[in-house]
N, C-alpha and C. Protein backbone atom coordinates (compact mmCIF):
# COMPACT_ATOMS: atom_id res chain seq x y z
N UNK A 1 2.27 -10.98 -25.26
CA UNK A 1 1.48 -11.36 -24.12
C UNK A 1 0.04 -10.92 -24.35
N UNK A 2 -0.91 -11.70 -23.85
CA UNK A 2 -2.32 -11.36 -24.00
C UNK A 2 -3.01 -11.43 -22.64
N UNK A 3 -4.09 -10.67 -22.52
CA UNK A 3 -5.00 -10.76 -21.38
C UNK A 3 -6.34 -11.14 -21.98
N UNK A 4 -6.84 -12.31 -21.60
CA UNK A 4 -8.03 -12.83 -22.28
C UNK A 4 -7.66 -13.10 -23.71
N UNK A 5 -8.41 -12.57 -24.64
CA UNK A 5 -8.11 -12.72 -26.06
C UNK A 5 -7.45 -11.48 -26.65
N UNK A 6 -7.21 -10.48 -25.81
CA UNK A 6 -6.70 -9.20 -26.29
C UNK A 6 -5.18 -9.13 -26.12
N UNK A 7 -4.46 -8.84 -27.20
CA UNK A 7 -3.01 -8.68 -27.05
C UNK A 7 -2.68 -7.45 -26.18
N UNK A 8 -1.66 -7.56 -25.37
CA UNK A 8 -1.27 -6.47 -24.49
C UNK A 8 -0.30 -5.55 -25.20
N UNK A 9 -0.58 -4.27 -25.11
CA UNK A 9 0.28 -3.25 -25.73
C UNK A 9 1.53 -3.03 -24.87
N UNK A 10 2.64 -2.58 -25.47
CA UNK A 10 3.85 -2.31 -24.68
C UNK A 10 3.64 -1.32 -23.54
N UNK A 11 2.83 -0.28 -23.74
CA UNK A 11 2.59 0.69 -22.66
C UNK A 11 1.90 0.03 -21.48
N UNK A 12 1.05 -0.97 -21.76
CA UNK A 12 0.34 -1.66 -20.67
C UNK A 12 1.31 -2.54 -19.88
N UNK A 13 2.23 -3.20 -20.57
CA UNK A 13 3.25 -4.00 -19.86
C UNK A 13 4.08 -3.11 -18.94
N UNK A 14 4.46 -1.94 -19.47
CA UNK A 14 5.24 -0.99 -18.66
C UNK A 14 4.42 -0.53 -17.44
N UNK A 15 3.15 -0.21 -17.66
CA UNK A 15 2.28 0.23 -16.56
C UNK A 15 2.20 -0.85 -15.48
N UNK A 16 1.98 -2.09 -15.88
CA UNK A 16 1.88 -3.18 -14.90
C UNK A 16 3.17 -3.33 -14.09
N UNK A 17 4.31 -3.26 -14.75
CA UNK A 17 5.58 -3.42 -14.04
C UNK A 17 5.83 -2.25 -13.10
N UNK A 18 5.53 -1.03 -13.54
CA UNK A 18 5.70 0.14 -12.66
C UNK A 18 4.78 0.06 -11.45
N UNK A 19 3.56 -0.44 -11.63
CA UNK A 19 2.63 -0.56 -10.51
C UNK A 19 3.10 -1.63 -9.54
N UNK A 20 3.62 -2.74 -10.04
CA UNK A 20 4.18 -3.77 -9.14
C UNK A 20 5.32 -3.19 -8.31
N UNK A 21 6.19 -2.41 -8.97
CA UNK A 21 7.31 -1.78 -8.28
C UNK A 21 6.81 -0.75 -7.26
N UNK A 22 5.78 -0.02 -7.60
CA UNK A 22 5.18 0.97 -6.70
C UNK A 22 4.75 0.31 -5.39
N UNK A 23 4.05 -0.80 -5.48
CA UNK A 23 3.57 -1.51 -4.28
C UNK A 23 4.74 -2.05 -3.47
N UNK A 24 5.76 -2.57 -4.13
CA UNK A 24 6.94 -3.08 -3.42
C UNK A 24 7.66 -1.94 -2.68
N UNK A 25 7.80 -0.80 -3.33
CA UNK A 25 8.46 0.34 -2.69
C UNK A 25 7.65 0.89 -1.52
N UNK A 26 6.34 0.86 -1.63
CA UNK A 26 5.47 1.27 -0.53
C UNK A 26 5.80 0.43 0.71
N UNK A 27 5.85 -0.88 0.54
CA UNK A 27 6.14 -1.77 1.66
C UNK A 27 7.55 -1.56 2.21
N UNK A 28 8.54 -1.57 1.35
CA UNK A 28 9.94 -1.47 1.79
C UNK A 28 10.22 -0.13 2.47
N UNK A 29 9.74 0.97 1.88
CA UNK A 29 9.99 2.28 2.47
C UNK A 29 9.21 2.47 3.76
N UNK A 30 7.98 2.03 3.79
CA UNK A 30 7.18 2.17 5.00
C UNK A 30 7.75 1.35 6.15
N UNK A 31 8.18 0.14 5.86
CA UNK A 31 8.71 -0.74 6.91
C UNK A 31 9.99 -0.20 7.54
N UNK A 32 10.74 0.57 6.80
CA UNK A 32 12.01 1.08 7.31
C UNK A 32 11.92 2.54 7.74
N UNK A 33 10.71 3.07 7.79
CA UNK A 33 10.52 4.42 8.29
C UNK A 33 10.94 5.52 7.34
N UNK A 34 11.09 5.20 6.07
CA UNK A 34 11.45 6.22 5.07
C UNK A 34 10.16 6.86 4.53
N UNK A 35 9.52 7.65 5.39
CA UNK A 35 8.21 8.19 5.05
C UNK A 35 8.24 9.22 3.93
N UNK A 36 9.27 10.06 3.80
CA UNK A 36 9.30 10.95 2.63
C UNK A 36 9.29 10.16 1.31
N UNK A 37 9.99 9.02 1.29
CA UNK A 37 10.00 8.18 0.08
C UNK A 37 8.63 7.54 -0.15
N UNK A 38 7.92 7.21 0.93
CA UNK A 38 6.57 6.67 0.78
C UNK A 38 5.67 7.72 0.14
N UNK A 39 5.76 8.96 0.62
CA UNK A 39 4.90 10.01 0.08
C UNK A 39 5.14 10.26 -1.40
N UNK A 40 6.37 10.06 -1.87
CA UNK A 40 6.67 10.23 -3.29
C UNK A 40 5.88 9.25 -4.16
N UNK A 41 5.36 8.19 -3.57
CA UNK A 41 4.62 7.16 -4.30
C UNK A 41 3.16 7.53 -4.51
N UNK A 42 2.73 8.60 -3.86
CA UNK A 42 1.34 9.05 -3.94
C UNK A 42 1.24 10.30 -4.80
N UNK A 43 0.16 10.38 -5.57
CA UNK A 43 -0.15 11.62 -6.28
C UNK A 43 -0.36 12.71 -5.23
N UNK A 44 -0.06 13.96 -5.55
CA UNK A 44 -0.23 15.04 -4.56
C UNK A 44 -1.65 15.12 -3.99
N UNK A 45 -2.66 14.77 -4.80
CA UNK A 45 -4.05 14.84 -4.35
C UNK A 45 -4.61 13.46 -3.98
N UNK A 46 -3.73 12.51 -3.72
CA UNK A 46 -4.16 11.14 -3.43
C UNK A 46 -5.01 11.08 -2.16
N UNK A 47 -5.79 10.01 -2.08
CA UNK A 47 -6.62 9.73 -0.91
C UNK A 47 -6.23 8.37 -0.39
N UNK A 48 -6.03 8.28 0.93
CA UNK A 48 -5.78 6.99 1.56
C UNK A 48 -6.84 6.80 2.63
N UNK A 49 -7.48 5.64 2.60
CA UNK A 49 -8.55 5.33 3.54
C UNK A 49 -8.12 4.14 4.39
N UNK A 50 -8.29 4.28 5.68
CA UNK A 50 -7.89 3.20 6.59
C UNK A 50 -9.11 2.39 6.99
N UNK A 51 -8.86 1.29 7.68
CA UNK A 51 -9.91 0.34 8.05
C UNK A 51 -11.08 0.94 8.80
N UNK A 52 -10.83 1.95 9.60
CA UNK A 52 -11.93 2.56 10.35
C UNK A 52 -12.73 3.55 9.52
N UNK A 53 -12.43 3.65 8.22
CA UNK A 53 -13.19 4.50 7.32
C UNK A 53 -12.73 5.94 7.24
N UNK A 54 -11.65 6.27 7.92
CA UNK A 54 -11.14 7.64 7.87
C UNK A 54 -10.38 7.85 6.57
N UNK A 55 -10.59 9.00 5.95
CA UNK A 55 -9.89 9.33 4.72
C UNK A 55 -8.85 10.41 4.99
N UNK A 56 -7.69 10.22 4.40
CA UNK A 56 -6.60 11.17 4.48
C UNK A 56 -6.35 11.66 3.06
N UNK A 57 -6.35 12.97 2.85
CA UNK A 57 -6.23 13.53 1.51
C UNK A 57 -4.94 14.34 1.41
N UNK A 58 -4.13 14.02 0.41
CA UNK A 58 -2.89 14.76 0.18
C UNK A 58 -1.76 14.30 1.09
N UNK A 59 -0.56 14.68 0.72
CA UNK A 59 0.64 14.23 1.42
C UNK A 59 0.66 14.61 2.89
N UNK A 60 0.23 15.83 3.22
CA UNK A 60 0.30 16.28 4.61
C UNK A 60 -0.56 15.43 5.53
N UNK A 61 -1.70 14.95 5.05
CA UNK A 61 -2.55 14.08 5.87
C UNK A 61 -2.10 12.63 5.80
N UNK A 62 -1.69 12.17 4.63
CA UNK A 62 -1.31 10.77 4.48
C UNK A 62 -0.12 10.42 5.38
N UNK A 63 0.83 11.32 5.55
CA UNK A 63 1.98 11.00 6.40
C UNK A 63 1.55 10.74 7.84
N UNK A 64 0.42 11.31 8.27
CA UNK A 64 -0.09 11.07 9.62
C UNK A 64 -0.37 9.60 9.88
N UNK A 65 -0.76 8.87 8.85
CA UNK A 65 -1.02 7.44 9.00
C UNK A 65 0.25 6.73 9.44
N UNK A 66 1.35 7.05 8.78
CA UNK A 66 2.61 6.37 9.04
C UNK A 66 3.24 6.80 10.36
N UNK A 67 3.27 8.10 10.61
CA UNK A 67 3.86 8.57 11.87
C UNK A 67 2.98 8.17 13.05
N UNK A 68 1.67 8.18 12.85
CA UNK A 68 0.76 7.76 13.92
C UNK A 68 0.93 6.29 14.28
N UNK A 69 1.05 5.43 13.26
CA UNK A 69 1.26 4.00 13.51
C UNK A 69 2.59 3.77 14.20
N UNK A 70 3.62 4.48 13.75
CA UNK A 70 4.94 4.35 14.39
C UNK A 70 4.87 4.75 15.85
N UNK A 71 4.23 5.86 16.13
CA UNK A 71 4.19 6.39 17.50
C UNK A 71 3.30 5.57 18.42
N UNK A 72 2.30 4.89 17.86
CA UNK A 72 1.37 4.11 18.68
C UNK A 72 1.79 2.66 18.86
N UNK A 73 2.80 2.21 18.13
CA UNK A 73 3.22 0.81 18.22
C UNK A 73 3.68 0.47 19.64
N UNK A 74 3.21 -0.66 20.13
CA UNK A 74 3.52 -1.09 21.49
C UNK A 74 4.60 -2.17 21.46
N UNK A 75 5.82 -1.79 21.08
CA UNK A 75 6.89 -2.76 20.96
C UNK A 75 7.35 -3.29 22.31
N UNK A 76 7.28 -2.46 23.34
CA UNK A 76 7.75 -2.90 24.65
C UNK A 76 9.17 -3.41 24.57
N UNK A 77 9.38 -4.64 24.99
CA UNK A 77 10.71 -5.24 24.96
C UNK A 77 11.00 -5.98 23.66
N UNK A 78 10.04 -5.97 22.74
CA UNK A 78 10.21 -6.65 21.46
C UNK A 78 11.17 -5.89 20.55
N UNK A 79 11.83 -6.61 19.65
CA UNK A 79 12.63 -5.96 18.61
C UNK A 79 11.71 -5.11 17.75
N UNK A 80 12.25 -4.01 17.25
CA UNK A 80 11.46 -3.11 16.43
C UNK A 80 11.74 -3.41 14.96
N UNK A 81 10.81 -4.08 14.31
CA UNK A 81 10.88 -4.24 12.86
C UNK A 81 9.51 -4.61 12.33
N UNK A 82 9.32 -4.29 11.07
CA UNK A 82 8.09 -4.60 10.34
C UNK A 82 8.46 -5.24 9.01
N UNK A 83 7.62 -6.13 8.56
CA UNK A 83 7.78 -6.70 7.23
C UNK A 83 6.39 -6.88 6.63
N UNK A 84 6.03 -5.97 5.72
CA UNK A 84 4.78 -6.11 4.98
C UNK A 84 5.04 -7.00 3.77
N UNK A 85 4.14 -7.93 3.54
CA UNK A 85 4.21 -8.77 2.36
C UNK A 85 2.87 -8.71 1.64
N UNK A 86 2.93 -8.59 0.35
CA UNK A 86 1.70 -8.56 -0.44
C UNK A 86 1.65 -9.81 -1.32
N UNK A 87 0.43 -10.21 -1.62
CA UNK A 87 0.23 -11.40 -2.45
C UNK A 87 -1.04 -11.22 -3.28
N UNK A 88 -1.15 -12.03 -4.30
CA UNK A 88 -2.29 -12.03 -5.20
C UNK A 88 -2.63 -10.63 -5.68
N UNK A 89 -1.59 -9.91 -6.10
CA UNK A 89 -1.77 -8.54 -6.57
C UNK A 89 -2.36 -8.58 -7.98
N UNK A 90 -3.59 -8.18 -8.10
CA UNK A 90 -4.26 -8.12 -9.39
C UNK A 90 -4.25 -6.68 -9.87
N UNK A 91 -3.89 -6.49 -11.11
CA UNK A 91 -3.82 -5.15 -11.69
C UNK A 91 -4.71 -5.12 -12.93
N UNK A 92 -5.61 -4.17 -12.95
CA UNK A 92 -6.47 -3.94 -14.12
C UNK A 92 -6.09 -2.60 -14.71
N UNK A 93 -5.43 -2.62 -15.86
CA UNK A 93 -5.08 -1.39 -16.54
C UNK A 93 -6.26 -1.01 -17.43
N UNK A 94 -6.89 0.11 -17.10
CA UNK A 94 -8.09 0.55 -17.81
C UNK A 94 -7.69 1.25 -19.11
N UNK A 95 -6.78 2.20 -18.98
CA UNK A 95 -6.26 2.92 -20.14
C UNK A 95 -4.91 3.51 -19.73
N UNK A 96 -4.34 4.37 -20.54
CA UNK A 96 -3.00 4.88 -20.27
C UNK A 96 -2.93 5.84 -19.09
N UNK A 97 -4.08 6.18 -18.51
CA UNK A 97 -4.05 7.09 -17.36
C UNK A 97 -4.83 6.57 -16.15
N UNK A 98 -5.31 5.34 -16.22
CA UNK A 98 -6.11 4.80 -15.12
C UNK A 98 -5.84 3.30 -14.96
N UNK A 99 -5.61 2.90 -13.72
CA UNK A 99 -5.48 1.48 -13.40
C UNK A 99 -6.03 1.25 -12.00
N UNK A 100 -6.42 0.02 -11.74
CA UNK A 100 -6.93 -0.37 -10.42
C UNK A 100 -6.20 -1.63 -9.99
N UNK A 101 -6.13 -1.82 -8.69
CA UNK A 101 -5.48 -3.01 -8.19
C UNK A 101 -6.06 -3.43 -6.85
N UNK A 102 -5.80 -4.68 -6.52
CA UNK A 102 -6.19 -5.21 -5.22
C UNK A 102 -5.27 -6.36 -4.89
N UNK A 103 -5.04 -6.51 -3.60
CA UNK A 103 -4.16 -7.59 -3.17
C UNK A 103 -4.27 -7.78 -1.67
N UNK A 104 -3.71 -8.86 -1.22
CA UNK A 104 -3.69 -9.17 0.21
C UNK A 104 -2.37 -8.71 0.80
N UNK A 105 -2.39 -8.38 2.09
CA UNK A 105 -1.14 -8.08 2.79
C UNK A 105 -1.11 -8.82 4.12
N UNK A 106 0.10 -9.10 4.56
CA UNK A 106 0.36 -9.64 5.89
C UNK A 106 1.50 -8.84 6.49
N UNK A 107 1.44 -8.60 7.79
CA UNK A 107 2.48 -7.85 8.47
C UNK A 107 3.11 -8.73 9.54
N UNK A 108 4.42 -8.91 9.42
CA UNK A 108 5.17 -9.65 10.43
C UNK A 108 5.89 -8.67 11.33
N UNK A 109 5.90 -8.97 12.62
CA UNK A 109 6.67 -8.22 13.61
C UNK A 109 7.40 -9.23 14.48
N UNK A 110 7.95 -8.77 15.57
CA UNK A 110 8.68 -9.67 16.48
C UNK A 110 7.79 -10.76 17.06
N UNK A 111 6.46 -10.59 17.04
CA UNK A 111 5.57 -11.63 17.57
C UNK A 111 5.18 -12.64 16.50
N UNK A 112 5.58 -12.42 15.26
CA UNK A 112 5.15 -13.25 14.14
C UNK A 112 4.10 -12.52 13.33
N UNK A 113 3.08 -13.24 12.89
CA UNK A 113 2.01 -12.61 12.11
C UNK A 113 1.23 -11.66 13.01
N UNK A 114 1.31 -10.37 12.70
CA UNK A 114 0.73 -9.33 13.55
C UNK A 114 -0.70 -8.98 13.11
N UNK A 115 -0.86 -8.63 11.84
CA UNK A 115 -2.19 -8.34 11.29
C UNK A 115 -2.16 -8.52 9.78
N UNK A 116 -3.36 -8.60 9.19
CA UNK A 116 -3.46 -8.88 7.77
C UNK A 116 -4.75 -8.31 7.22
N UNK A 117 -4.76 -8.12 5.90
CA UNK A 117 -5.95 -7.56 5.27
C UNK A 117 -5.78 -7.41 3.77
N UNK A 118 -6.42 -6.36 3.23
CA UNK A 118 -6.43 -6.14 1.78
C UNK A 118 -6.13 -4.69 1.45
N UNK A 119 -5.51 -4.50 0.30
CA UNK A 119 -5.33 -3.19 -0.30
C UNK A 119 -6.24 -3.12 -1.51
N UNK A 120 -6.96 -2.02 -1.65
CA UNK A 120 -7.79 -1.78 -2.82
C UNK A 120 -7.33 -0.43 -3.37
N UNK A 121 -6.75 -0.45 -4.56
CA UNK A 121 -6.02 0.71 -5.08
C UNK A 121 -6.58 1.24 -6.38
N UNK A 122 -6.30 2.54 -6.59
CA UNK A 122 -6.45 3.19 -7.89
C UNK A 122 -5.12 3.88 -8.15
N UNK A 123 -4.66 3.80 -9.40
CA UNK A 123 -3.36 4.36 -9.78
C UNK A 123 -3.54 5.32 -10.95
N UNK A 124 -2.62 6.29 -11.02
CA UNK A 124 -2.60 7.20 -12.18
C UNK A 124 -1.18 7.68 -12.38
N UNK A 125 -0.84 8.04 -13.61
CA UNK A 125 0.50 8.58 -13.85
C UNK A 125 0.60 10.03 -13.36
N UNK A 126 1.72 10.35 -12.75
CA UNK A 126 2.05 11.70 -12.33
C UNK A 126 3.48 11.95 -12.81
N UNK A 127 3.65 12.96 -13.64
CA UNK A 127 4.97 13.29 -14.20
C UNK A 127 5.62 12.05 -14.83
N UNK A 128 4.80 11.25 -15.53
CA UNK A 128 5.32 10.10 -16.26
C UNK A 128 5.54 8.84 -15.45
N UNK A 129 5.18 8.84 -14.16
CA UNK A 129 5.35 7.65 -13.30
C UNK A 129 4.01 7.29 -12.66
N UNK A 130 3.71 6.00 -12.58
CA UNK A 130 2.47 5.56 -11.94
C UNK A 130 2.57 5.79 -10.44
N UNK A 131 1.50 6.34 -9.87
CA UNK A 131 1.42 6.67 -8.45
C UNK A 131 0.07 6.23 -7.90
N UNK A 132 0.00 6.13 -6.57
CA UNK A 132 -1.29 5.85 -5.94
C UNK A 132 -2.17 7.09 -6.08
N UNK A 133 -3.35 6.91 -6.62
CA UNK A 133 -4.36 7.97 -6.63
C UNK A 133 -5.28 7.78 -5.42
N UNK A 134 -5.49 6.52 -5.07
CA UNK A 134 -6.33 6.17 -3.92
C UNK A 134 -5.88 4.80 -3.41
N UNK A 135 -5.80 4.68 -2.10
CA UNK A 135 -5.48 3.38 -1.49
C UNK A 135 -6.40 3.18 -0.30
N UNK A 136 -7.14 2.09 -0.32
CA UNK A 136 -7.98 1.72 0.82
C UNK A 136 -7.35 0.50 1.48
N UNK A 137 -7.12 0.61 2.77
CA UNK A 137 -6.51 -0.47 3.54
C UNK A 137 -7.59 -1.06 4.43
N UNK A 138 -7.85 -2.35 4.23
CA UNK A 138 -8.83 -3.02 5.09
C UNK A 138 -8.12 -3.99 6.00
N UNK A 139 -8.68 -4.24 7.14
CA UNK A 139 -8.13 -5.18 8.11
C UNK A 139 -9.04 -6.39 8.16
N UNK A 140 -8.47 -7.57 7.88
CA UNK A 140 -9.25 -8.80 7.96
C UNK A 140 -9.07 -9.50 9.30
N UNK A 141 -7.90 -9.29 9.94
CA UNK A 141 -7.67 -9.94 11.23
C UNK A 141 -6.38 -9.46 11.85
N UNK A 142 -6.23 -9.78 13.13
CA UNK A 142 -5.00 -9.42 13.84
C UNK A 142 -4.76 -10.40 14.96
N UNK A 143 -3.51 -10.51 15.34
CA UNK A 143 -3.12 -11.37 16.44
C UNK A 143 -3.62 -10.76 17.74
N UNK A 144 -3.98 -11.58 18.72
CA UNK A 144 -4.36 -11.01 20.03
C UNK A 144 -3.18 -10.29 20.69
N UNK A 145 -1.96 -10.59 20.25
CA UNK A 145 -0.75 -9.96 20.78
C UNK A 145 -0.20 -8.87 19.85
N UNK A 146 -1.01 -8.37 18.93
CA UNK A 146 -0.57 -7.38 17.96
C UNK A 146 0.15 -6.23 18.63
N UNK A 147 1.23 -5.79 18.00
CA UNK A 147 2.02 -4.67 18.52
C UNK A 147 1.48 -3.34 18.03
N UNK A 148 0.45 -3.37 17.18
CA UNK A 148 -0.08 -2.16 16.58
C UNK A 148 -1.54 -1.97 16.96
N UNK A 149 -1.92 -0.71 17.05
CA UNK A 149 -3.32 -0.37 17.24
C UNK A 149 -3.92 -0.38 15.84
N UNK A 150 -4.58 -1.46 15.50
CA UNK A 150 -5.19 -1.58 14.18
C UNK A 150 -6.66 -1.86 14.35
N UNK A 151 -7.46 -1.17 13.56
CA UNK A 151 -8.90 -1.33 13.63
C UNK A 151 -9.43 -1.79 12.29
N UNK A 152 -10.51 -2.55 12.32
CA UNK A 152 -11.07 -3.07 11.08
C UNK A 152 -12.26 -2.35 10.60
C-alpha cells in the first residue's frame, strides 16, 4: 500500500488500524456509559478540549466531560440512548510516536439527529498502544430539540 508516492511501512498500517479502532471504541464505550473504558483510550496526560474552549487535562478531569453530559441530558420522557457516528476519518501518521486525525461526528438520540461537529485529534503510543494525546471536539450544529446541553 502507498500514500502518495511513498510505500507504507507495516508499522504505519498497524498504527492506522489501531487509531481507527481507538475512535470506534471511544464512541461505543461513551454511548453505553462505560466511562472507565473510555478513559483507558486516553494517555494519562491527555488533553480534551470541548466546543466552548474549556480544556480538561488528565483522566480525572476528562471523565467530568462524560459524567457532566450524562447528568445534564434532558431526556424527559424520551428513551435514553446515544449513537455517535464518525465519518471521513483522516489519519496522518507522522512517525512511530506521533499521529494526527480529524473527522466528522453525528449524534443520534430519541429525537433523531441531535448534534454534529468535528473531532481534531493527536495520538501517541502508550505502553505499546495508540491513545488520544489530545482531542478537540467542535460543534457545527444542533437540533432545536437537542436533548443535550451542547455549546459551540
